[in-house]
Amino acid sequence: MYNRAETSRIRSEFWIAFGQYMKPIPNSEGRRINWPNYKTGVRHIYFRMKAENDFASIGIELGHADEELQELYFDQFAQFRAMLETIVGEEWDWILLDQNEFGQPVSRIEKILPNVNVMNSDDWPEIISFLKPRIIALDEFWENVKPGFES
């Protein structure tokens, strides 16, 4: 298999390639954006894209340390579920109070593409084709609902 440095290099190359592919695409406001490192502008709300050895995923992650506030954010997003699913064109998985890879409580609204491997460059077009329309749709969705989460 790959050693740690090689794994890190290949993952980095993937995200650089994804960023270059997405670079000409403006956000919903017509501005340039760093798509791989999308910033929501609201603390504790993140858009996460992952490309791993056996799947790729994209989603909204709620990372507030206070589980009650995290649940409140989750409930706020649930009020916009129909809008989200209309914009992304599919149903996503809704997971309240799970744990991230560091054991911290998080809630997620996500879509997973199974059976792809970021370590195999032949899978990159499929991973990019999965992530691209969904991050663009998330940006459009966020433009509509962000004011309800700011304060």
C-alpha atoms as a PDB file:
ATOM      1  CA  MET A   1       0.000   0.000   0.000  1.00  0.00           C
ATOM      2  CA  TYR A   2       0.959   3.625   0.303  1.00  0.00           C
ATOM      3  CA  ASN A   3       3.024   5.130   3.065  1.00  0.00           C
ATOM      4  CA  ARG A   4       1.752   8.187   4.936  1.00  0.00           C
ATOM      5  CA  ALA A   5       3.680  10.693   2.797  1.00  0.00           C
ATOM      6  CA  GLU A   6       2.505   9.127  -0.470  1.00  0.00           C
ATOM      7  CA  THR A   7      -1.098   9.030   0.757  1.00  0.00           C
ATOM      8  CA  SER A   8      -0.892  12.684   1.754  1.00  0.00           C
ATOM      9  CA  ARG A   9       0.633  13.645  -1.618  1.00  0.00           C
ATOM     10  CA  ILE A  10      -2.051  11.843  -3.634  1.00  0.00           C
ATOM     11  CA  ARG A  11      -4.889  13.344  -1.561  1.00  0.00           C
ATOM     12  CA  SER A  12      -3.338  16.779  -1.946  1.00  0.00           C
ATOM     13  CA  GLU A  13      -3.047  16.304  -5.714  1.00  0.00           C
ATOM     14  CA  PHE A  14      -6.718  15.344  -5.870  1.00  0.00           C
ATOM     15  CA  TRP A  15      -7.870  18.471  -4.004  1.00  0.00           C
ATOM     16  CA  ILE A  16      -5.585  20.677  -6.103  1.00  0.00           C
ATOM     17  CA  ALA A  17      -7.063  19.114  -9.269  1.00  0.00           C
ATOM     18  CA  PHE A  18     -10.589  19.595  -7.929  1.00  0.00           C
ATOM     19  CA  GLY A  19      -9.843  23.228  -7.053  1.00  0.00           C
ATOM     20  CA  GLN A  20      -8.407  23.900 -10.520  1.00  0.00           C
ATOM     21  CA  TYR A  21     -11.437  22.273 -12.138  1.00  0.00           C
ATOM     22  CA  MET A  22     -13.814  24.412 -10.044  1.00  0.00           C
ATOM     23  CA  LYS A  23     -11.816  27.656 -10.231  1.00  0.00           C
ATOM     24  CA  PRO A  24     -13.668  29.195 -13.212  1.00  0.00           C
ATOM     25  CA  ILE A  25     -17.074  28.598 -11.614  1.00  0.00           C
ATOM     26  CA  PRO A  26     -18.368  31.591  -9.627  1.00  0.00           C
ATOM     27  CA  ASN A  27     -20.500  31.201  -6.512  1.00  0.00           C
ATOM     28  CA  SER A  28     -24.207  32.032  -6.467  1.00  0.00           C
ATOM     29  CA  GLU A  29     -23.351  35.723  -6.026  1.00  0.00           C
ATOM     30  CA  GLY A  30     -21.070  35.690  -9.073  1.00  0.00           C
ATOM     31  CA  ARG A  31     -17.865  35.901  -7.043  1.00  0.00           C
ATOM     32  CA  ARG A  32     -14.714  33.777  -7.163  1.00  0.00           C
ATOM     33  CA  ILE A  33     -14.572  31.213  -4.413  1.00  0.00           C
ATOM     34  CA  ASN A  34     -12.208  28.594  -3.068  1.00  0.00           C
ATOM     35  CA  TRP A  35     -14.582  25.652  -3.533  1.00  0.00           C
ATOM     36  CA  PRO A  36     -12.458  22.956  -1.797  1.00  0.00           C
ATOM     37  CA  ASN A  37     -12.254  25.143   1.341  1.00  0.00           C
ATOM     38  CA  TYR A  38     -15.776  26.568   1.259  1.00  0.00           C
ATOM     39  CA  LYS A  39     -16.410  28.966   4.130  1.00  0.00           C
ATOM     40  CA  THR A  40     -20.025  29.311   5.282  1.00  0.00           C
ATOM     41  CA  GLY A  41     -19.270  32.454   7.259  1.00  0.00           C
ATOM     42  CA  VAL A  42     -21.196  31.088  10.248  1.00  0.00           C
ATOM     43  CA  ARG A  43     -19.358  29.587  13.207  1.00  0.00           C
ATOM     44  CA  HIS A  44     -19.874  25.871  13.787  1.00  0.00           C
ATOM     45  CA  ILE A  45     -21.498  25.302  10.366  1.00  0.00           C
ATOM     46  CA  TYR A  46     -19.230  23.711   7.778  1.00  0.00           C
ATOM     47  CA  PHE A  47     -19.567  22.288   4.299  1.00  0.00           C
ATOM     48  CA  ARG A  48     -17.413  19.162   4.247  1.00  0.00           C
ATOM     49  CA  MET A  49     -16.215  17.294   1.203  1.00  0.00           C
ATOM     50  CA  LYS A  50     -14.298  14.077   1.681  1.00  0.00           C
ATOM     51  CA  ALA A  51     -12.538  11.758  -0.729  1.00  0.00           C
ATOM     52  CA  GLU A  52     -11.397   8.595   1.019  1.00  0.00           C
ATOM     53  CA  ASN A  53     -10.225   5.067   0.186  1.00  0.00           C
ATOM     54  CA  ASP A  54     -13.728   3.635  -0.129  1.00  0.00           C
ATOM     55  CA  PHE A  55     -16.111   6.576  -0.539  1.00  0.00           C
ATOM     56  CA  ALA A  56     -16.554  10.250  -1.273  1.00  0.00           C
ATOM     57  CA  SER A  57     -19.005  12.466   0.573  1.00  0.00           C
ATOM     58  CA  ILE A  58     -20.328  15.970   0.772  1.00  0.00           C
ATOM     59  CA  GLY A  59     -22.430  17.526   3.449  1.00  0.00           C
ATOM     60  CA  ILE A  60     -23.242  20.096   6.031  1.00  0.00           C
ATOM     61  CA  GLU A  61     -21.575  19.495   9.387  1.00  0.00           C
ATOM     62  CA  LEU A  62     -22.777  21.129  12.575  1.00  0.00           C
ATOM     63  CA  GLY A  63     -19.934  21.197  15.049  1.00  0.00           C
ATOM     64  CA  HIS A  64     -21.101  23.274  18.007  1.00  0.00           C
ATOM     65  CA  ALA A  65     -19.688  21.837  21.252  1.00  0.00           C
ATOM     66  CA  ASP A  66     -23.008  22.494  23.018  1.00  0.00           C
ATOM     67  CA  GLU A  67     -25.181  19.588  21.913  1.00  0.00           C
ATOM     68  CA  GLU A  68     -28.403  21.523  22.595  1.00  0.00           C
ATOM     69  CA  LEU A  69     -27.312  24.325  20.266  1.00  0.00           C
ATOM     70  CA  GLN A  70     -26.200  21.742  17.713  1.00  0.00           C
ATOM     71  CA  GLU A  71     -29.659  20.188  17.859  1.00  0.00           C
ATOM     72  CA  LEU A  72     -31.223  23.644  17.472  1.00  0.00           C
ATOM     73  CA  TYR A  73     -29.162  24.250  14.301  1.00  0.00           C
ATOM     74  CA  PHE A  74     -30.158  20.787  13.058  1.00  0.00           C
ATOM     75  CA  ASP A  75     -33.842  21.582  13.639  1.00  0.00           C
ATOM     76  CA  GLN A  76     -33.402  24.888  11.780  1.00  0.00           C
ATOM     77  CA  PHE A  77     -31.944  23.025   8.808  1.00  0.00           C
ATOM     78  CA  ALA A  78     -34.812  20.510   8.999  1.00  0.00           C
ATOM     79  CA  GLN A  79     -37.221  23.403   8.381  1.00  0.00           C
ATOM     80  CA  PHE A  80     -35.438  23.917   5.044  1.00  0.00           C
ATOM     81  CA  ARG A  81     -35.188  20.212   4.152  1.00  0.00           C
ATOM     82  CA  ALA A  82     -37.609  20.386   1.217  1.00  0.00           C
ATOM     83  CA  MET A  83     -35.741  23.389  -0.217  1.00  0.00           C
ATOM     84  CA  LEU A  84     -32.366  21.646   0.170  1.00  0.00           C
ATOM     85  CA  GLU A  85     -33.577  18.451  -1.468  1.00  0.00           C
ATOM     86  CA  THR A  86     -35.200  20.401  -4.307  1.00  0.00           C
ATOM     87  CA  ILE A  87     -31.998  22.347  -4.983  1.00  0.00           C
ATOM     88  CA  VAL A  88     -29.668  19.326  -4.765  1.00  0.00           C
ATOM     89  CA  GLY A  89     -32.191  17.162  -6.611  1.00  0.00           C
ATOM     90  CA  GLU A  90     -32.041  14.196  -4.216  1.00  0.00           C
ATOM     91  CA  GLU A  91     -32.562  13.085  -0.636  1.00  0.00           C
ATOM     92  CA  TRP A  92     -29.618  13.303   1.752  1.00  0.00           C
ATOM     93  CA  ASP A  93     -28.957  11.477   5.024  1.00  0.00           C
ATOM     94  CA  TRP A  94     -29.749  13.401   8.224  1.00  0.00           C
ATOM     95  CA  ILE A  95     -27.695  12.303  11.245  1.00  0.00           C
ATOM     96  CA  LEU A  96     -28.247  14.038  14.583  1.00  0.00           C
ATOM     97  CA  LEU A  97     -25.502  13.899  17.239  1.00  0.00           C
ATOM     98  CA  ASP A  98     -22.954  11.539  15.752  1.00  0.00           C
ATOM     99  CA  GLN A  99     -19.194  11.705  16.323  1.00  0.00           C
ATOM    100  CA  ASN A 100     -16.486  12.930  13.971  1.00  0.00           C
ATOM    101  CA  GLU A 101     -13.108  11.237  13.518  1.00  0.00           C
ATOM    102  CA  PHE A 102     -11.832  13.027  16.655  1.00  0.00           C
ATOM    103  CA  GLY A 103     -14.677  11.784  18.864  1.00  0.00           C
ATOM    104  CA  GLN A 104     -16.365  15.192  19.007  1.00  0.00           C
ATOM    105  CA  PRO A 105     -20.156  15.450  18.729  1.00  0.00           C
ATOM    106  CA  VAL A 106     -21.316  16.568  15.298  1.00  0.00           C
ATOM    107  CA  SER A 107     -24.526  16.420  13.314  1.00  0.00           C
ATOM    108  CA  ARG A 108     -24.474  15.896   9.569  1.00  0.00           C
ATOM    109  CA  ILE A 109     -26.641  16.316   6.536  1.00  0.00           C
ATOM    110  CA  GLU A 110     -24.763  14.428   3.846  1.00  0.00           C
ATOM    111  CA  LYS A 111     -24.651  12.423   0.665  1.00  0.00           C
ATOM    112  CA  ILE A 112     -22.169   9.568   0.196  1.00  0.00           C
ATOM    113  CA  LEU A 113     -20.795   8.084  -3.015  1.00  0.00           C
ATOM    114  CA  PRO A 114     -19.653   4.549  -2.152  1.00  0.00           C
ATOM    115  CA  ASN A 115     -17.068   2.397  -3.921  1.00  0.00           C
ATOM    116  CA  VAL A 116     -14.672   5.094  -5.107  1.00  0.00           C
ATOM    117  CA  ASN A 117     -11.060   5.493  -4.037  1.00  0.00           C
ATOM    118  CA  VAL A 118      -9.213   8.800  -4.067  1.00  0.00           C
ATOM    119  CA  MET A 119      -5.966   6.820  -4.233  1.00  0.00           C
ATOM    120  CA  ASN A 120      -6.988   5.575  -7.687  1.00  0.00           C
ATOM    121  CA  SER A 121      -6.744   8.476 -10.140  1.00  0.00           C
ATOM    122  CA  ASP A 122      -9.107   6.599 -12.470  1.00  0.00           C
ATOM    123  CA  ASP A 123     -11.852   7.334  -9.896  1.00  0.00           C
ATOM    124  CA  TRP A 124     -11.135  11.067  -9.795  1.00  0.00           C
ATOM    125  CA  PRO A 125     -13.528  11.994 -12.638  1.00  0.00           C
ATOM    126  CA  GLU A 126     -16.358  10.156 -10.868  1.00  0.00           C
ATOM    127  CA  ILE A 127     -15.551  11.793  -7.532  1.00  0.00           C
ATOM    128  CA  ILE A 128     -15.335  15.248  -9.117  1.00  0.00           C
ATOM    129  CA  SER A 129     -18.591  14.649 -11.016  1.00  0.00           C
ATOM    130  CA  PHE A 130     -20.196  13.729  -7.696  1.00  0.00           C
ATOM    131  CA  LEU A 131     -18.853  16.699  -5.721  1.00  0.00           C
ATOM    132  CA  LYS A 132     -19.154  19.476  -8.316  1.00  0.00           C
ATOM    133  CA  PRO A 133     -22.943  19.779  -8.760  1.00  0.00           C
ATOM    134  CA  ARG A 134     -23.570  19.218  -5.061  1.00  0.00           C
ATOM    135  CA  ILE A 135     -21.195  21.912  -3.768  1.00  0.00           C
ATOM    136  CA  ILE A 136     -22.643  24.346  -6.318  1.00  0.00           C
ATOM    137  CA  ALA A 137     -26.164  23.409  -5.162  1.00  0.00           C
ATOM    138  CA  LEU A 138     -25.144  23.744  -1.495  1.00  0.00           C
ATOM    139  CA  ASP A 139     -23.837  27.230  -2.259  1.00  0.00           C
ATOM    140  CA  GLU A 140     -27.167  28.164  -3.873  1.00  0.00           C
ATOM    141  CA  PHE A 141     -29.081  26.712  -0.917  1.00  0.00           C
ATOM    142  CA  TRP A 142     -26.840  28.519   1.578  1.00  0.00           C
ATOM    143  CA  GLU A 143     -27.350  31.838  -0.183  1.00  0.00           C
ATOM    144  CA  ASN A 144     -31.087  31.433   0.497  1.00  0.00           C
ATOM    145  CA  VAL A 145     -30.956  30.292   4.130  1.00  0.00           C
ATOM    146  CA  LYS A 146     -27.770  31.813   5.569  1.00  0.00           C
ATOM    147  CA  PRO A 147     -29.523  34.910   6.991  1.00  0.00           C
ATOM    148  CA  GLY A 148     -31.547  32.632   9.288  1.00  0.00           C
ATOM    149  CA  PHE A 149     -28.322  31.309  10.865  1.00  0.00           C
ATOM    150  CA  GLU A 150     -26.485  34.613  11.284  1.00  0.00           C
ATOM    151  CA  SER A 151     -26.613  36.390  14.639  1.00  0.00           C
END
